[in-house]
C-alpha atoms as a PDB file:
ATOM      1  CA  MET A   1      10.273 -12.111  41.981  1.00  0.00           C
ATOM      2  CA  GLN A   2       6.484 -11.995  41.850  1.00  0.00           C
ATOM      3  CA  HIS A   3       4.487 -10.073  39.293  1.00  0.00           C
ATOM      4  CA  ASP A   4       1.482  -8.586  41.089  1.00  0.00           C
ATOM      5  CA  GLU A   5       0.896  -5.956  38.396  1.00  0.00           C
ATOM      6  CA  ALA A   6      -1.688  -6.236  35.646  1.00  0.00           C
ATOM      7  CA  PRO A   7      -0.446  -7.480  32.270  1.00  0.00           C
ATOM      8  CA  LEU A   8       0.693  -4.868  29.768  1.00  0.00           C
ATOM      9  CA  HIS A   9      -1.953  -5.953  27.291  1.00  0.00           C
ATOM     10  CA  SER A  10      -5.190  -7.875  27.190  1.00  0.00           C
ATOM     11  CA  MET A  11      -7.304  -9.007  24.301  1.00  0.00           C
ATOM     12  CA  ASN A  12     -10.848  -7.886  23.772  1.00  0.00           C
ATOM     13  CA  SER A  13     -13.133  -9.194  21.033  1.00  0.00           C
ATOM     14  CA  SER A  14     -13.152  -5.911  19.092  1.00  0.00           C
ATOM     15  CA  HIS A  15      -9.705  -4.474  19.811  1.00  0.00           C
ATOM     16  CA  MET A  16      -6.559  -4.833  21.876  1.00  0.00           C
ATOM     17  CA  ILE A  17      -6.170  -2.804  25.075  1.00  0.00           C
ATOM     18  CA  LEU A  18      -2.726  -1.597  26.127  1.00  0.00           C
ATOM     19  CA  LYS A  19      -1.851  -0.299  29.573  1.00  0.00           C
ATOM     20  CA  ASN A  20       0.535   2.632  29.555  1.00  0.00           C
ATOM     21  CA  THR A  21       3.074   3.413  32.303  1.00  0.00           C
ATOM     22  CA  THR A  22       0.472   5.311  34.377  1.00  0.00           C
ATOM     23  CA  GLY A  23      -1.820   2.290  34.423  1.00  0.00           C
ATOM     24  CA  MET A  24      -4.483   3.802  32.167  1.00  0.00           C
ATOM     25  CA  SER A  25      -5.979   1.566  29.484  1.00  0.00           C
ATOM     26  CA  VAL A  26      -5.591   2.760  25.909  1.00  0.00           C
ATOM     27  CA  PRO A  27      -7.599   0.957  23.171  1.00  0.00           C
ATOM     28  CA  VAL A  28      -5.673   0.112  20.006  1.00  0.00           C
ATOM     29  CA  PRO A  29      -7.698  -0.867  16.910  1.00  0.00           C
ATOM     30  CA  HIS A  30      -6.631  -3.829  14.802  1.00  0.00           C
ATOM     31  CA  PRO A  31      -4.717  -2.844  11.660  1.00  0.00           C
ATOM     32  CA  THR A  32      -6.831  -2.737   8.519  1.00  0.00           C
ATOM     33  CA  HIS A  33      -6.220  -5.206   5.719  1.00  0.00           C
ATOM     34  CA  VAL A  34      -4.086  -3.758   2.927  1.00  0.00           C
ATOM     35  CA  PRO A  35      -4.751  -5.480  -0.400  1.00  0.00           C
ATOM     36  CA  LEU A  36      -1.853  -6.898  -2.385  1.00  0.00           C
ATOM     37  CA  LEU A  37      -1.715  -4.961  -5.615  1.00  0.00           C
ATOM     38  CA  GLY A  38       0.098  -6.056  -8.747  1.00  0.00           C
ATOM     39  CA  PRO A  39       1.283  -4.378 -11.915  1.00  0.00           C
ATOM     40  CA  SER A  40      -2.144  -4.634 -13.576  1.00  0.00           C
ATOM     41  CA  ASN A  41      -5.818  -4.411 -12.529  1.00  0.00           C
ATOM     42  CA  THR A  42      -6.490  -6.401  -9.364  1.00  0.00           C
ATOM     43  CA  LEU A  43      -9.695  -7.834  -7.903  1.00  0.00           C
ATOM     44  CA  THR A  44     -10.014  -6.618  -4.321  1.00  0.00           C
ATOM     45  CA  VAL A  45     -12.336  -5.003  -1.785  1.00  0.00           C
ATOM     46  CA  CYS A  46     -11.997  -1.231  -1.493  1.00  0.00           C
ATOM     47  CA  GLN A  47     -11.020  -0.255   2.044  1.00  0.00           C
ATOM     48  CA  PHE A  48     -12.983   3.008   1.697  1.00  0.00           C
ATOM     49  CA  CYS A  49     -16.359   2.095   0.132  1.00  0.00           C
ATOM     50  CA  GLN A  50     -16.199  -1.667   0.930  1.00  0.00           C
ATOM     51  CA  ALA A  51     -17.177  -2.565  -2.652  1.00  0.00           C
ATOM     52  CA  SER A  52     -15.724  -5.586  -4.426  1.00  0.00           C
ATOM     53  CA  VAL A  53     -13.967  -4.005  -7.405  1.00  0.00           C
ATOM     54  CA  LYS A  54     -11.378  -4.497 -10.101  1.00  0.00           C
ATOM     55  CA  THR A  55      -8.983  -1.588  -9.571  1.00  0.00           C
ATOM     56  CA  SER A  56      -8.315   0.979 -12.246  1.00  0.00           C
ATOM     57  CA  VAL A  57      -4.612   1.589 -12.871  1.00  0.00           C
ATOM     58  CA  LYS A  58      -2.774   4.763 -13.798  1.00  0.00           C
ATOM     59  CA  TYR A  59       0.915   4.460 -14.591  1.00  0.00           C
ATOM     60  CA  SER A  60       3.342   7.049 -13.221  1.00  0.00           C
ATOM     61  CA  VAL A  61       6.898   7.894 -14.209  1.00  0.00           C
ATOM     62  CA  THR A  62       9.491   7.583 -11.433  1.00  0.00           C
ATOM     63  CA  SER A  63      13.201   8.154 -11.014  1.00  0.00           C
ATOM     64  CA  ARG A  64      13.770   4.543 -12.090  1.00  0.00           C
ATOM     65  CA  THR A  65      12.072   5.330 -15.392  1.00  0.00           C
ATOM     66  CA  HIS A  66      14.428   8.275 -15.882  1.00  0.00           C
ATOM     67  CA  MET A  67      17.458   6.104 -15.035  1.00  0.00           C
ATOM     68  CA  ALA A  68      16.314   3.466 -17.535  1.00  0.00           C
ATOM     69  CA  ALA A  69      15.933   6.206 -20.181  1.00  0.00           C
ATOM     70  CA  ALA A  70      19.487   7.394 -19.484  1.00  0.00           C
ATOM     71  CA  LEU A  71      20.785   3.833 -19.820  1.00  0.00           C
ATOM     72  CA  TRP A  72      18.872   3.310 -23.088  1.00  0.00           C
ATOM     73  CA  SER A  73      20.289   6.555 -24.464  1.00  0.00           C
ATOM     74  CA  ILE A  74      23.846   5.438 -23.690  1.00  0.00           C
ATOM     75  CA  VAL A  75      23.383   1.937 -25.106  1.00  0.00           C
ATOM     76  CA  CYS A  76      21.384   2.519 -28.282  1.00  0.00           C
ATOM     77  CA  CYS A  77      20.039   6.104 -28.485  1.00  0.00           C
ATOM     78  CA  LEU A  78      16.464   4.994 -27.721  1.00  0.00           C
ATOM     79  CA  CYS A  79      15.843   7.033 -24.567  1.00  0.00           C
ATOM     80  CA  CYS A  80      12.077   7.243 -25.193  1.00  0.00           C
ATOM     81  CA  VAL A  81      11.513   3.478 -24.742  1.00  0.00           C
ATOM     82  CA  PRO A  82      10.979   3.504 -20.920  1.00  0.00           C
ATOM     83  CA  TYR A  83       8.417   6.323 -21.265  1.00  0.00           C
ATOM     84  CA  CYS A  84       6.417   4.371 -23.859  1.00  0.00           C
ATOM     85  CA  ILE A  85       6.045   1.085 -21.970  1.00  0.00           C
ATOM     86  CA  ASP A  86       4.022   0.642 -18.778  1.00  0.00           C
ATOM     87  CA  SER A  87       6.351  -2.009 -17.342  1.00  0.00           C
ATOM     88  CA  ALA A  88       8.953   0.712 -16.629  1.00  0.00           C
ATOM     89  CA  LYS A  89       6.501   2.775 -14.551  1.00  0.00           C
ATOM     90  CA  ASN A  90       4.788   2.396 -11.181  1.00  0.00           C
ATOM     91  CA  SER A  91       1.167   1.201 -11.146  1.00  0.00           C
ATOM     92  CA  ASP A  92      -1.109   3.440  -9.059  1.00  0.00           C
ATOM     93  CA  HIS A  93      -4.376   1.660  -8.163  1.00  0.00           C
ATOM     94  CA  TYR A  94      -7.678   3.505  -7.732  1.00  0.00           C
ATOM     95  CA  CYS A  95     -11.173   2.333  -6.827  1.00  0.00           C
ATOM     96  CA  PRO A  96     -13.476   2.725  -9.860  1.00  0.00           C
ATOM     97  CA  ASN A  97     -16.476   3.036  -7.515  1.00  0.00           C
ATOM     98  CA  CYS A  98     -15.335   5.894  -5.232  1.00  0.00           C
ATOM     99  CA  ALA A  99     -12.215   7.033  -7.193  1.00  0.00           C
ATOM    100  CA  ARG A 100      -9.986   6.900  -4.091  1.00  0.00           C
ATOM    101  CA  TYR A 101      -6.298   5.964  -4.213  1.00  0.00           C
ATOM    102  CA  MET A 102      -5.774   2.404  -2.953  1.00  0.00           C
ATOM    103  CA  GLY A 103      -2.002   1.952  -3.300  1.00  0.00           C
ATOM    104  CA  SER A 104       0.899   1.492  -5.682  1.00  0.00           C
ATOM    105  CA  TYR A 105       2.868  -1.338  -7.164  1.00  0.00           C
ATOM    106  CA  GLU A 106       6.431  -0.118  -7.382  1.00  0.00           C
ATOM    107  CA  LYS A 107       8.839  -1.612  -9.840  1.00  0.00           C
END
């Protein structure tokens, strides 16, 4: 069986081009780099303003924090402990330059 049809994809220097079932070319941009964020401030490049920054972190309470509080209340009546420590919360990272949300580190 010979394949006389054009390939389903071809590479271009700036982006990949896909051919759909009708034969029309559809450009697909490369995925953007998502920085790896940790539980504390992280050095990275903001994907919005392109500045090299150390992220600012805001900690948020999640359902896991509530479950840990329930467990602490059963074990030793100290249900407030998970709400007082940042290690029991998610870390939401923001760019200090443009104040845009960059991602979360979920625990």
